Amino acid sequence: MREGLLWFDNDPNRKLADKISRAVTRYQVRFGCRPTTCYLSVRDFDGQTDKINGVQLKPASDVRPHHFWIGVEQETMTAKAA
């Protein structure tokens, strides 16, 4: 993923699924398409699911806690173009 939306949400009362859903909504409004991937901190990743609302979750050590980098994965874009 070369481009995306960096979303910050540190609300301790909001569940991970809600945080991702809010980021997805913002991404769709801003870019006009649905994201496929969300990179998140390994600390925020609960390991219970690898997808939320059709968005693939990818824990990454270089993403800070409470930050979500959301966008369209390059392989997905290439496959749609073919």
PDB file of N, CA and C in Angstrom:
ATOM      1  N   MET A   1       0.844  -1.151   0.000  1.00  0.00           N
ATOM      2  CA  MET A   1       0.000   0.000   0.000  1.00  0.00           C
ATOM      3  C   MET A   1       0.903   1.230   0.000  1.00  0.00           C
ATOM      4  N   ARG A   2       0.805   2.016  -1.053  1.00  0.00           N
ATOM      5  CA  ARG A   2       1.643   3.212  -1.170  1.00  0.00           C
ATOM      6  C   ARG A   2       0.979   4.435  -0.573  1.00  0.00           C
ATOM      7  N   GLU A   3      -0.334   4.504  -0.654  1.00  0.00           N
ATOM      8  CA  GLU A   3      -1.081   5.638  -0.135  1.00  0.00           C
ATOM      9  C   GLU A   3      -2.180   5.136   0.773  1.00  0.00           C
ATOM     10  N   GLY A   4      -2.598   5.989   1.662  1.00  0.00           N
ATOM     11  CA  GLY A   4      -3.685   5.609   2.545  1.00  0.00           C
ATOM     12  C   GLY A   4      -4.082   6.762   3.440  1.00  0.00           C
ATOM     13  N   LEU A   5      -4.933   6.468   4.366  1.00  0.00           N
ATOM     14  CA  LEU A   5      -5.415   7.434   5.327  1.00  0.00           C
ATOM     15  C   LEU A   5      -4.908   7.007   6.697  1.00  0.00           C
ATOM     16  N   LEU A   6      -4.244   7.897   7.385  1.00  0.00           N
ATOM     17  CA  LEU A   6      -3.787   7.613   8.733  1.00  0.00           C
ATOM     18  C   LEU A   6      -4.850   8.116   9.703  1.00  0.00           C
ATOM     19  N   TRP A   7      -5.409   7.198  10.464  1.00  0.00           N
ATOM     20  CA  TRP A   7      -6.504   7.492  11.376  1.00  0.00           C
ATOM     21  C   TRP A   7      -6.017   7.307  12.800  1.00  0.00           C
ATOM     22  N   PHE A   8      -6.359   8.234  13.679  1.00  0.00           N
ATOM     23  CA  PHE A   8      -5.978   8.147  15.085  1.00  0.00           C
ATOM     24  C   PHE A   8      -7.233   8.055  15.940  1.00  0.00           C
ATOM     25  N   ASP A   9      -7.257   7.087  16.851  1.00  0.00           N
ATOM     26  CA  ASP A   9      -8.389   6.941  17.761  1.00  0.00           C
ATOM     27  C   ASP A   9      -7.895   6.287  19.045  1.00  0.00           C
ATOM     28  N   ASN A  10      -7.799   7.060  20.104  1.00  0.00           N
ATOM     29  CA  ASN A  10      -7.319   6.511  21.369  1.00  0.00           C
ATOM     30  C   ASN A  10      -8.416   6.426  22.429  1.00  0.00           C
ATOM     31  N   ASP A  11      -9.663   6.436  21.997  1.00  0.00           N
ATOM     32  CA  ASP A  11     -10.788   6.341  22.922  1.00  0.00           C
ATOM     33  C   ASP A  11     -10.810   4.951  23.564  1.00  0.00           C
ATOM     34  N   PRO A  12     -10.570   4.854  24.869  1.00  0.00           N
ATOM     35  CA  PRO A  12     -10.529   3.547  25.518  1.00  0.00           C
ATOM     36  C   PRO A  12     -11.897   2.871  25.610  1.00  0.00           C
ATOM     37  N   ASN A  13     -12.968   3.627  25.406  1.00  0.00           N
ATOM     38  CA  ASN A  13     -14.318   3.061  25.481  1.00  0.00           C
ATOM     39  C   ASN A  13     -14.825   2.545  24.139  1.00  0.00           C
ATOM     40  N   ARG A  14     -14.077   2.793  23.075  1.00  0.00           N
ATOM     41  CA  ARG A  14     -14.503   2.379  21.746  1.00  0.00           C
ATOM     42  C   ARG A  14     -13.815   1.069  21.383  1.00  0.00           C
ATOM     43  N   LYS A  15     -14.563   0.124  20.904  1.00  0.00           N
ATOM     44  CA  LYS A  15     -14.020  -1.177  20.499  1.00  0.00           C
ATOM     45  C   LYS A  15     -13.246  -1.046  19.195  1.00  0.00           C
ATOM     46  N   LEU A  16     -12.321  -1.985  18.967  1.00  0.00           N
ATOM     47  CA  LEU A  16     -11.487  -1.965  17.765  1.00  0.00           C
ATOM     48  C   LEU A  16     -12.344  -1.947  16.504  1.00  0.00           C
ATOM     49  N   ALA A  17     -13.392  -2.748  16.455  1.00  0.00           N
ATOM     50  CA  ALA A  17     -14.262  -2.794  15.268  1.00  0.00           C
ATOM     51  C   ALA A  17     -14.879  -1.427  14.981  1.00  0.00           C
ATOM     52  N   ASP A  18     -15.254  -0.699  16.018  1.00  0.00           N
ATOM     53  CA  ASP A  18     -15.826   0.633  15.832  1.00  0.00           C
ATOM     54  C   ASP A  18     -14.783   1.614  15.305  1.00  0.00           C
ATOM     55  N   LYS A  19     -13.567   1.509  15.817  1.00  0.00           N
ATOM     56  CA  LYS A  19     -12.491   2.391  15.351  1.00  0.00           C
ATOM     57  C   LYS A  19     -12.215   2.155  13.867  1.00  0.00           C
ATOM     58  N   ILE A  20     -12.147   0.890  13.479  1.00  0.00           N
ATOM     59  CA  ILE A  20     -11.899   0.541  12.072  1.00  0.00           C
ATOM     60  C   ILE A  20     -13.070   1.012  11.203  1.00  0.00           C
ATOM     61  N   SER A  21     -14.286   0.802  11.660  1.00  0.00           N
ATOM     62  CA  SER A  21     -15.466   1.215  10.886  1.00  0.00           C
ATOM     63  C   SER A  21     -15.491   2.724  10.665  1.00  0.00           C
ATOM     64  N   ARG A  22     -15.120   3.487  11.675  1.00  0.00           N
ATOM     65  CA  ARG A  22     -15.072   4.948  11.518  1.00  0.00           C
ATOM     66  C   ARG A  22     -14.000   5.348  10.500  1.00  0.00           C
ATOM     67  N   ALA A  23     -12.857   4.666  10.549  1.00  0.00           N
ATOM     68  CA  ALA A  23     -11.786   4.949   9.589  1.00  0.00           C
ATOM     69  C   ALA A  23     -12.219   4.593   8.173  1.00  0.00           C
ATOM     70  N   VAL A  24     -12.913   3.467   8.017  1.00  0.00           N
ATOM     71  CA  VAL A  24     -13.410   3.039   6.700  1.00  0.00           C
ATOM     72  C   VAL A  24     -14.372   4.079   6.143  1.00  0.00           C
ATOM     73  N   THR A  25     -15.279   4.539   6.973  1.00  0.00           N
ATOM     74  CA  THR A  25     -16.244   5.555   6.532  1.00  0.00           C
ATOM     75  C   THR A  25     -15.536   6.814   6.059  1.00  0.00           C
ATOM     76  N   ARG A  26     -14.570   7.286   6.829  1.00  0.00           N
ATOM     77  CA  ARG A  26     -13.830   8.490   6.445  1.00  0.00           C
ATOM     78  C   ARG A  26     -13.065   8.287   5.147  1.00  0.00           C
ATOM     79  N   TYR A  27     -12.451   7.109   4.997  1.00  0.00           N
ATOM     80  CA  TYR A  27     -11.708   6.799   3.775  1.00  0.00           C
ATOM     81  C   TYR A  27     -12.648   6.847   2.566  1.00  0.00           C
ATOM     82  N   GLN A  28     -13.814   6.225   2.697  1.00  0.00           N
ATOM     83  CA  GLN A  28     -14.769   6.198   1.582  1.00  0.00           C
ATOM     84  C   GLN A  28     -15.228   7.599   1.201  1.00  0.00           C
ATOM     85  N   VAL A  29     -15.479   8.446   2.191  1.00  0.00           N
ATOM     86  CA  VAL A  29     -15.904   9.815   1.910  1.00  0.00           C
ATOM     87  C   VAL A  29     -14.784  10.570   1.202  1.00  0.00           C
ATOM     88  N   ARG A  30     -13.574  10.391   1.678  1.00  0.00           N
ATOM     89  CA  ARG A  30     -12.449  11.162   1.124  1.00  0.00           C
ATOM     90  C   ARG A  30     -12.000  10.673  -0.245  1.00  0.00           C
ATOM     91  N   PHE A  31     -11.926   9.346  -0.451  1.00  0.00           N
ATOM     92  CA  PHE A  31     -11.348   8.803  -1.681  1.00  0.00           C
ATOM     93  C   PHE A  31     -12.369   8.190  -2.638  1.00  0.00           C
ATOM     94  N   GLY A  32     -13.608   8.009  -2.206  1.00  0.00           N
ATOM     95  CA  GLY A  32     -14.650   7.516  -3.091  1.00  0.00           C
ATOM     96  C   GLY A  32     -14.617   6.034  -3.379  1.00  0.00           C
ATOM     97  N   CYS A  33     -13.846   5.277  -2.617  1.00  0.00           N
ATOM     98  CA  CYS A  33     -13.828   3.821  -2.780  1.00  0.00           C
ATOM     99  C   CYS A  33     -13.617   3.171  -1.415  1.00  0.00           C
ATOM    100  N   ARG A  34     -13.855   1.893  -1.363  1.00  0.00           N
ATOM    101  CA  ARG A  34     -13.748   1.162  -0.103  1.00  0.00           C
ATOM    102  C   ARG A  34     -12.319   0.655   0.084  1.00  0.00           C
ATOM    103  N   PRO A  35     -11.738   0.840   1.278  1.00  0.00           N
ATOM    104  CA  PRO A  35     -10.399   0.316   1.539  1.00  0.00           C
ATOM    105  C   PRO A  35     -10.432  -1.201   1.707  1.00  0.00           C
ATOM    106  N   THR A  36      -9.289  -1.824   1.507  1.00  0.00           N
ATOM    107  CA  THR A  36      -9.193  -3.282   1.632  1.00  0.00           C
ATOM    108  C   THR A  36      -8.310  -3.715   2.784  1.00  0.00           C
ATOM    109  N   THR A  37      -7.443  -2.820   3.265  1.00  0.00           N
ATOM    110  CA  THR A  37      -6.432  -3.196   4.247  1.00  0.00           C
ATOM    111  C   THR A  37      -6.287  -2.126   5.316  1.00  0.00           C
ATOM    112  N   CYS A  38      -6.014  -2.582   6.537  1.00  0.00           N
ATOM    113  CA  CYS A  38      -5.722  -1.671   7.628  1.00  0.00           C
ATOM    114  C   CYS A  38      -4.509  -2.190   8.392  1.00  0.00           C
ATOM    115  N   TYR A  39      -3.445  -1.389   8.379  1.00  0.00           N
ATOM    116  CA  TYR A  39      -2.271  -1.698   9.194  1.00  0.00           C
ATOM    117  C   TYR A  39      -2.477  -1.046  10.549  1.00  0.00           C
ATOM    118  N   LEU A  40      -2.216  -1.792  11.613  1.00  0.00           N
ATOM    119  CA  LEU A  40      -2.384  -1.284  12.957  1.00  0.00           C
ATOM    120  C   LEU A  40      -1.256  -1.772  13.845  1.00  0.00           C
ATOM    121  N   SER A  41      -1.092  -1.129  14.959  1.00  0.00           N
ATOM    122  CA  SER A  41      -0.051  -1.494  15.909  1.00  0.00           C
ATOM    123  C   SER A  41      -0.243  -2.925  16.397  1.00  0.00           C
ATOM    124  N   VAL A  42       0.858  -3.625  16.596  1.00  0.00           N
ATOM    125  CA  VAL A  42       0.758  -4.978  17.146  1.00  0.00           C
ATOM    126  C   VAL A  42       0.151  -4.929  18.545  1.00  0.00           C
ATOM    127  N   ARG A  43       0.309  -3.814  19.219  1.00  0.00           N
ATOM    128  CA  ARG A  43      -0.270  -3.642  20.549  1.00  0.00           C
ATOM    129  C   ARG A  43      -1.794  -3.508  20.505  1.00  0.00           C
ATOM    130  N   ASP A  44      -2.321  -2.911  19.452  1.00  0.00           N
ATOM    131  CA  ASP A  44      -3.769  -2.749  19.319  1.00  0.00           C
ATOM    132  C   ASP A  44      -4.451  -3.997  18.745  1.00  0.00           C
ATOM    133  N   PHE A  45      -3.695  -4.824  18.051  1.00  0.00           N
ATOM    134  CA  PHE A  45      -4.254  -6.014  17.405  1.00  0.00           C
ATOM    135  C   PHE A  45      -4.577  -7.052  18.471  1.00  0.00           C
ATOM    136  N   ASP A  46      -5.834  -7.465  18.546  1.00  0.00           N
ATOM    137  CA  ASP A  46      -6.236  -8.411  19.587  1.00  0.00           C
ATOM    138  C   ASP A  46      -6.085  -9.869  19.165  1.00  0.00           C
ATOM    139  N   GLY A  47      -5.847 -10.120  17.882  1.00  0.00           N
ATOM    140  CA  GLY A  47      -5.638 -11.479  17.402  1.00  0.00           C
ATOM    141  C   GLY A  47      -6.894 -12.314  17.289  1.00  0.00           C
ATOM    142  N   GLN A  48      -8.048 -11.763  17.619  1.00  0.00           N
ATOM    143  CA  GLN A  48      -9.293 -12.531  17.575  1.00  0.00           C
ATOM    144  C   GLN A  48      -9.855 -12.652  16.169  1.00  0.00           C
ATOM    145  N   THR A  49      -9.554 -11.686  15.325  1.00  0.00           N
ATOM    146  CA  THR A  49     -10.031 -11.734  13.947  1.00  0.00           C
ATOM    147  C   THR A  49      -9.005 -11.056  13.043  1.00  0.00           C
ATOM    148  N   ASP A  50      -8.958 -11.481  11.794  1.00  0.00           N
ATOM    149  CA  ASP A  50      -8.037 -10.839  10.860  1.00  0.00           C
ATOM    150  C   ASP A  50      -8.770  -9.958   9.855  1.00  0.00           C
ATOM    151  N   LYS A  51     -10.114  -9.847   9.993  1.00  0.00           N
ATOM    152  CA  LYS A  51     -10.922  -8.994   9.124  1.00  0.00           C
ATOM    153  C   LYS A  51     -12.022  -8.335   9.928  1.00  0.00           C
ATOM    154  N   ILE A  52     -12.264  -7.072   9.633  1.00  0.00           N
ATOM    155  CA  ILE A  52     -13.393  -6.350  10.215  1.00  0.00           C
ATOM    156  C   ILE A  52     -14.102  -5.647   9.070  1.00  0.00           C
ATOM    157  N   ASN A  53     -15.388  -5.962   8.901  1.00  0.00           N
ATOM    158  CA  ASN A  53     -16.208  -5.361   7.833  1.00  0.00           C
ATOM    159  C   ASN A  53     -15.548  -5.487   6.463  1.00  0.00           C
ATOM    160  N   GLY A  54     -14.917  -6.620   6.204  1.00  0.00           N
ATOM    161  CA  GLY A  54     -14.296  -6.870   4.910  1.00  0.00           C
ATOM    162  C   GLY A  54     -12.926  -6.256   4.728  1.00  0.00           C
ATOM    163  N   VAL A  55     -12.393  -5.584   5.746  1.00  0.00           N
ATOM    164  CA  VAL A  55     -11.075  -4.960   5.673  1.00  0.00           C
ATOM    165  C   VAL A  55     -10.074  -5.870   6.375  1.00  0.00           C
ATOM    166  N   GLN A  56      -9.029  -6.249   5.650  1.00  0.00           N
ATOM    167  CA  GLN A  56      -7.983  -7.125   6.187  1.00  0.00           C
ATOM    168  C   GLN A  56      -7.138  -6.371   7.205  1.00  0.00           C
ATOM    169  N   LEU A  57      -6.974  -6.937   8.396  1.00  0.00           N
ATOM    170  CA  LEU A  57      -6.147  -6.329   9.436  1.00  0.00           C
ATOM    171  C   LEU A  57      -4.746  -6.893   9.359  1.00  0.00           C
ATOM    172  N   LYS A  58      -3.756  -6.013   9.387  1.00  0.00           N
ATOM    173  CA  LYS A  58      -2.363  -6.433   9.329  1.00  0.00           C
ATOM    174  C   LYS A  58      -1.584  -5.736  10.440  1.00  0.00           C
ATOM    175  N   PRO A  59      -1.253  -6.479  11.499  1.00  0.00           N
ATOM    176  CA  PRO A  59      -0.462  -5.864  12.565  1.00  0.00           C
ATOM    177  C   PRO A  59       0.937  -5.533  12.064  1.00  0.00           C
ATOM    178  N   ALA A  60       1.440  -4.371  12.466  1.00  0.00           N
ATOM    179  CA  ALA A  60       2.755  -3.920  12.003  1.00  0.00           C
ATOM    180  C   ALA A  60       3.505  -3.262  13.163  1.00  0.00           C
ATOM    181  N   SER A  61       4.763  -3.609  13.287  1.00  0.00           N
ATOM    182  CA  SER A  61       5.562  -3.072  14.384  1.00  0.00           C
ATOM    183  C   SER A  61       5.922  -1.597  14.180  1.00  0.00           C
ATOM    184  N   ASP A  62       5.813  -1.098  12.957  1.00  0.00           N
ATOM    185  CA  ASP A  62       6.165   0.303  12.709  1.00  0.00           C
ATOM    186  C   ASP A  62       4.965   1.254  12.729  1.00  0.00           C
ATOM    187  N   VAL A  63       3.793   0.751  13.129  1.00  0.00           N
ATOM    188  CA  VAL A  63       2.613   1.611  13.299  1.00  0.00           C
ATOM    189  C   VAL A  63       2.448   1.859  14.797  1.00  0.00           C
ATOM    190  N   ARG A  64       2.332   3.118  15.153  1.00  0.00           N
ATOM    191  CA  ARG A  64       2.225   3.496  16.569  1.00  0.00           C
ATOM    192  C   ARG A  64       0.861   3.099  17.143  1.00  0.00           C
ATOM    193  N   PRO A  65       0.796   2.856  18.441  1.00  0.00           N
ATOM    194  CA  PRO A  65      -0.489   2.527  19.068  1.00  0.00           C
ATOM    195  C   PRO A  65      -1.541   3.603  18.806  1.00  0.00           C
ATOM    196  N   HIS A  66      -2.771   3.145  18.629  1.00  0.00           N
ATOM    197  CA  HIS A  66      -3.944   4.001  18.407  1.00  0.00           C
ATOM    198  C   HIS A  66      -3.967   4.627  17.009  1.00  0.00           C
ATOM    199  N   HIS A  67      -3.068   4.228  16.128  1.00  0.00           N
ATOM    200  CA  HIS A  67      -3.037   4.720  14.750  1.00  0.00           C
ATOM    201  C   HIS A  67      -3.439   3.576  13.814  1.00  0.00           C
ATOM    202  N   PHE A  68      -4.137   3.931  12.755  1.00  0.00           N
ATOM    203  CA  PHE A  68      -4.616   2.951  11.780  1.00  0.00           C
ATOM    204  C   PHE A  68      -4.323   3.495  10.392  1.00  0.00           C
ATOM    205  N   TRP A  69      -3.506   2.772   9.637  1.00  0.00           N
ATOM    206  CA  TRP A  69      -3.173   3.180   8.279  1.00  0.00           C
ATOM    207  C   TRP A  69      -4.053   2.347   7.359  1.00  0.00           C
ATOM    208  N   ILE A  70      -5.002   2.987   6.716  1.00  0.00           N
ATOM    209  CA  ILE A  70      -6.034   2.282   5.972  1.00  0.00           C
ATOM    210  C   ILE A  70      -5.998   2.696   4.506  1.00  0.00           C
ATOM    211  N   GLY A  71      -6.189   1.711   3.618  1.00  0.00           N
ATOM    212  CA  GLY A  71      -6.167   1.998   2.188  1.00  0.00           C
ATOM    213  C   GLY A  71      -6.412   0.764   1.356  1.00  0.00           C
ATOM    214  N   VAL A  72      -6.020   0.841   0.102  1.00  0.00           N
ATOM    215  CA  VAL A  72      -6.196  -0.269  -0.843  1.00  0.00           C
ATOM    216  C   VAL A  72      -4.832  -0.906  -1.065  1.00  0.00           C
ATOM    217  N   GLU A  73      -4.742  -2.185  -0.789  1.00  0.00           N
ATOM    218  CA  GLU A  73      -3.491  -2.923  -0.955  1.00  0.00           C
ATOM    219  C   GLU A  73      -3.119  -2.987  -2.434  1.00  0.00           C
ATOM    220  N   GLN A  74      -1.838  -2.857  -2.745  1.00  0.00           N
ATOM    221  CA  GLN A  74      -1.355  -2.832  -4.129  1.00  0.00           C
ATOM    222  C   GLN A  74      -1.745  -4.072  -4.924  1.00  0.00           C
ATOM    223  N   GLU A  75      -1.667  -5.256  -4.343  1.00  0.00           N
ATOM    224  CA  GLU A  75      -2.013  -6.482  -5.074  1.00  0.00           C
ATOM    225  C   GLU A  75      -3.468  -6.440  -5.507  1.00  0.00           C
ATOM    226  N   THR A  76      -4.325  -5.887  -4.672  1.00  0.00           N
ATOM    227  CA  THR A  76      -5.751  -5.777  -4.994  1.00  0.00           C
ATOM    228  C   THR A  76      -5.956  -4.837  -6.171  1.00  0.00           C
ATOM    229  N   MET A  77      -5.237  -3.715  -6.187  1.00  0.00           N
ATOM    230  CA  MET A  77      -5.356  -2.758  -7.282  1.00  0.00           C
ATOM    231  C   MET A  77      -4.860  -3.372  -8.586  1.00  0.00           C
ATOM    232  N   THR A  78      -3.757  -4.098  -8.539  1.00  0.00           N
ATOM    233  CA  THR A  78      -3.199  -4.723  -9.736  1.00  0.00           C
ATOM    234  C   THR A  78      -4.152  -5.781 -10.267  1.00  0.00           C
ATOM    235  N   ALA A  79      -4.726  -6.580  -9.397  1.00  0.00           N
ATOM    236  CA  ALA A  79      -5.623  -7.645  -9.821  1.00  0.00           C
ATOM    237  C   ALA A  79      -6.881  -7.075 -10.482  1.00  0.00           C
ATOM    238  N   LYS A  80      -7.400  -5.945  -9.998  1.00  0.00           N
ATOM    239  CA  LYS A  80      -8.590  -5.329 -10.593  1.00  0.00           C
ATOM    240  C   LYS A  80      -8.293  -4.752 -11.968  1.00  0.00           C
ATOM    241  N   ALA A  81      -7.057  -4.293 -12.178  1.00  0.00           N
ATOM    242  CA  ALA A  81      -6.698  -3.694 -13.459  1.00  0.00           C
ATOM    243  C   ALA A  81      -6.564  -4.746 -14.554  1.00  0.00           C
ATOM    244  N   ALA A  82      -6.264  -5.966 -14.166  1.00  0.00           N
ATOM    245  CA  ALA A  82      -6.051  -7.038 -15.153  1.00  0.00           C
ATOM    246  C   ALA A  82      -7.325  -7.576 -15.728  1.00  0.00           C
TER     247      ALA A  82
END
